[in-house]
């Protein structure tokens, strides 16, 4: 992926594209180093693991299912409304 170098005073900055930033967890401060001719950028202190937004949801759902604790909270709302039953027209359904 190509990116731009940006001059800031006597220094230069690397523009990290949003697509990469979304995959990283760098924080406000980073450590940079030169390793075998490559620039390496690492978080200064460890942050949360990547992609933790829904971590554990699959396991929690499996536990709920095993405990039969995954029923709807309001079973009366599972049916169609009067509008759905009488007024809604599904084009192409049941035809032909």
C-alpha atoms as a PDB file:
ATOM      1  CA  UNK A   1       0.000   0.000   0.000  1.00  0.00           C
ATOM      2  CA  UNK A   2       1.433   3.358  -0.991  1.00  0.00           C
ATOM      3  CA  UNK A   3       1.356   6.335   1.365  1.00  0.00           C
ATOM      4  CA  UNK A   4       2.816   9.821   1.621  1.00  0.00           C
ATOM      5  CA  UNK A   5       5.689  11.262   3.635  1.00  0.00           C
ATOM      6  CA  UNK A   6       4.749  14.621   5.159  1.00  0.00           C
ATOM      7  CA  UNK A   7       7.367  17.231   6.072  1.00  0.00           C
ATOM      8  CA  UNK A   8       6.913  18.686   9.572  1.00  0.00           C
ATOM      9  CA  UNK A   9       9.709  21.160  10.313  1.00  0.00           C
ATOM     10  CA  UNK A  10      13.020  19.280  10.055  1.00  0.00           C
ATOM     11  CA  UNK A  11      11.266  15.909  10.521  1.00  0.00           C
ATOM     12  CA  UNK A  12       9.036  13.826   8.303  1.00  0.00           C
ATOM     13  CA  UNK A  13       5.860  11.950   9.173  1.00  0.00           C
ATOM     14  CA  UNK A  14       4.406   8.831   7.620  1.00  0.00           C
ATOM     15  CA  UNK A  15       0.739   9.029   6.729  1.00  0.00           C
ATOM     16  CA  UNK A  16      -0.898   5.767   7.890  1.00  0.00           C
ATOM     17  CA  UNK A  17      -4.052   5.126   5.821  1.00  0.00           C
ATOM     18  CA  UNK A  18      -7.343   4.632   7.716  1.00  0.00           C
ATOM     19  CA  UNK A  19      -7.625   1.038   6.464  1.00  0.00           C
ATOM     20  CA  UNK A  20      -4.445   0.162   8.368  1.00  0.00           C
ATOM     21  CA  UNK A  21      -5.238   2.308  11.399  1.00  0.00           C
ATOM     22  CA  UNK A  22      -8.469   0.373  11.860  1.00  0.00           C
ATOM     23  CA  UNK A  23      -6.458  -2.835  12.180  1.00  0.00           C
ATOM     24  CA  UNK A  24      -3.936  -1.398  14.651  1.00  0.00           C
ATOM     25  CA  UNK A  25      -4.080  -0.526  18.295  1.00  0.00           C
ATOM     26  CA  UNK A  26      -1.267   2.006  18.559  1.00  0.00           C
ATOM     27  CA  UNK A  27      -2.535   4.605  21.034  1.00  0.00           C
ATOM     28  CA  UNK A  28      -1.120   8.124  21.311  1.00  0.00           C
ATOM     29  CA  UNK A  29       2.576   7.253  21.691  1.00  0.00           C
ATOM     30  CA  UNK A  30       4.586   4.712  19.734  1.00  0.00           C
ATOM     31  CA  UNK A  31       8.089   3.286  19.716  1.00  0.00           C
ATOM     32  CA  UNK A  32       9.891   3.311  16.386  1.00  0.00           C
ATOM     33  CA  UNK A  33      13.005   1.355  15.507  1.00  0.00           C
ATOM     34  CA  UNK A  34      15.023   0.325  12.498  1.00  0.00           C
ATOM     35  CA  UNK A  35      15.146  -3.458  12.033  1.00  0.00           C
ATOM     36  CA  UNK A  36      17.038  -4.946   9.085  1.00  0.00           C
ATOM     37  CA  UNK A  37      16.486  -1.810   7.023  1.00  0.00           C
ATOM     38  CA  UNK A  38      12.762  -1.656   7.829  1.00  0.00           C
ATOM     39  CA  UNK A  39      11.016   0.886  10.013  1.00  0.00           C
ATOM     40  CA  UNK A  40       9.051  -0.752  12.815  1.00  0.00           C
ATOM     41  CA  UNK A  41       6.255   1.023  14.731  1.00  0.00           C
ATOM     42  CA  UNK A  42       4.946  -0.473  17.986  1.00  0.00           C
ATOM     43  CA  UNK A  43       2.649   0.781  20.759  1.00  0.00           C
ATOM     44  CA  UNK A  44       4.614   2.298  23.635  1.00  0.00           C
ATOM     45  CA  UNK A  45       2.625   0.241  26.124  1.00  0.00           C
ATOM     46  CA  UNK A  46       0.458  -2.808  25.478  1.00  0.00           C
ATOM     47  CA  UNK A  47      -3.142  -1.998  24.678  1.00  0.00           C
ATOM     48  CA  UNK A  48      -6.209  -4.194  24.463  1.00  0.00           C
ATOM     49  CA  UNK A  49      -6.008  -7.024  21.941  1.00  0.00           C
ATOM     50  CA  UNK A  50      -7.301  -6.197  18.486  1.00  0.00           C
ATOM     51  CA  UNK A  51     -10.939  -6.780  17.591  1.00  0.00           C
ATOM     52  CA  UNK A  52     -12.247  -7.263  21.130  1.00  0.00           C
ATOM     53  CA  UNK A  53     -15.577  -5.529  20.573  1.00  0.00           C
ATOM     54  CA  UNK A  54     -17.512  -8.785  20.464  1.00  0.00           C
ATOM     55  CA  UNK A  55     -14.974 -11.058  22.083  1.00  0.00           C
ATOM     56  CA  UNK A  56     -16.675 -13.934  23.884  1.00  0.00           C
ATOM     57  CA  UNK A  57     -20.106 -13.469  22.294  1.00  0.00           C
ATOM     58  CA  UNK A  58     -20.049 -16.847  20.540  1.00  0.00           C
ATOM     59  CA  UNK A  59     -19.175 -18.684  23.742  1.00  0.00           C
ATOM     60  CA  UNK A  60     -21.804 -16.757  25.719  1.00  0.00           C
ATOM     61  CA  UNK A  61     -24.486 -17.610  23.147  1.00  0.00           C
ATOM     62  CA  UNK A  62     -23.470 -21.274  23.237  1.00  0.00           C
ATOM     63  CA  UNK A  63     -23.716 -21.303  27.058  1.00  0.00           C
ATOM     64  CA  UNK A  64     -27.157 -19.660  26.884  1.00  0.00           C
ATOM     65  CA  UNK A  65     -28.358 -22.246  24.364  1.00  0.00           C
ATOM     66  CA  UNK A  66     -27.015 -25.139  26.451  1.00  0.00           C
ATOM     67  CA  UNK A  67     -28.790 -23.739  29.545  1.00  0.00           C
ATOM     68  CA  UNK A  68     -31.982 -23.167  27.488  1.00  0.00           C
ATOM     69  CA  UNK A  69     -31.762 -19.511  28.461  1.00  0.00           C
ATOM     70  CA  UNK A  70     -32.090 -18.149  24.928  1.00  0.00           C
ATOM     71  CA  UNK A  71     -35.864 -17.773  24.675  1.00  0.00           C
ATOM     72  CA  UNK A  72     -37.411 -14.528  23.490  1.00  0.00           C
ATOM     73  CA  UNK A  73     -38.129 -12.077  26.289  1.00  0.00           C
ATOM     74  CA  UNK A  74     -41.583 -11.232  24.924  1.00  0.00           C
ATOM     75  CA  UNK A  75     -42.994 -14.229  23.029  1.00  0.00           C
ATOM     76  CA  UNK A  76     -46.192 -12.279  22.216  1.00  0.00           C
ATOM     77  CA  UNK A  77     -44.214 -10.130  19.785  1.00  0.00           C
ATOM     78  CA  UNK A  78     -43.176 -13.025  17.551  1.00  0.00           C
ATOM     79  CA  UNK A  79     -46.247 -12.953  15.314  1.00  0.00           C
ATOM     80  CA  UNK A  80     -47.023 -10.578  12.514  1.00  0.00           C
ATOM     81  CA  UNK A  81     -48.913  -7.400  13.197  1.00  0.00           C
ATOM     82  CA  UNK A  82     -52.370  -6.802  11.699  1.00  0.00           C
ATOM     83  CA  UNK A  83     -50.679  -4.622   9.069  1.00  0.00           C
ATOM     84  CA  UNK A  84     -48.282  -7.443   8.196  1.00  0.00           C
ATOM     85  CA  UNK A  85     -51.136  -9.921   7.872  1.00  0.00           C
ATOM     86  CA  UNK A  86     -53.636  -7.792   5.952  1.00  0.00           C
ATOM     87  CA  UNK A  87     -52.047  -4.735   4.370  1.00  0.00           C
ATOM     88  CA  UNK A  88     -48.552  -5.729   3.297  1.00  0.00           C
ATOM     89  CA  UNK A  89     -48.232  -6.889  -0.301  1.00  0.00           C
ATOM     90  CA  UNK A  90     -45.275  -9.119  -1.132  1.00  0.00           C
ATOM     91  CA  UNK A  91     -44.730  -8.773  -4.848  1.00  0.00           C
ATOM     92  CA  UNK A  92     -43.762 -11.973  -6.589  1.00  0.00           C
ATOM     93  CA  UNK A  93     -44.375 -14.190  -3.550  1.00  0.00           C
ATOM     94  CA  UNK A  94     -46.700 -17.069  -4.257  1.00  0.00           C
ATOM     95  CA  UNK A  95     -47.131 -16.086  -7.887  1.00  0.00           C
ATOM     96  CA  UNK A  96     -46.416 -18.310 -10.819  1.00  0.00           C
END
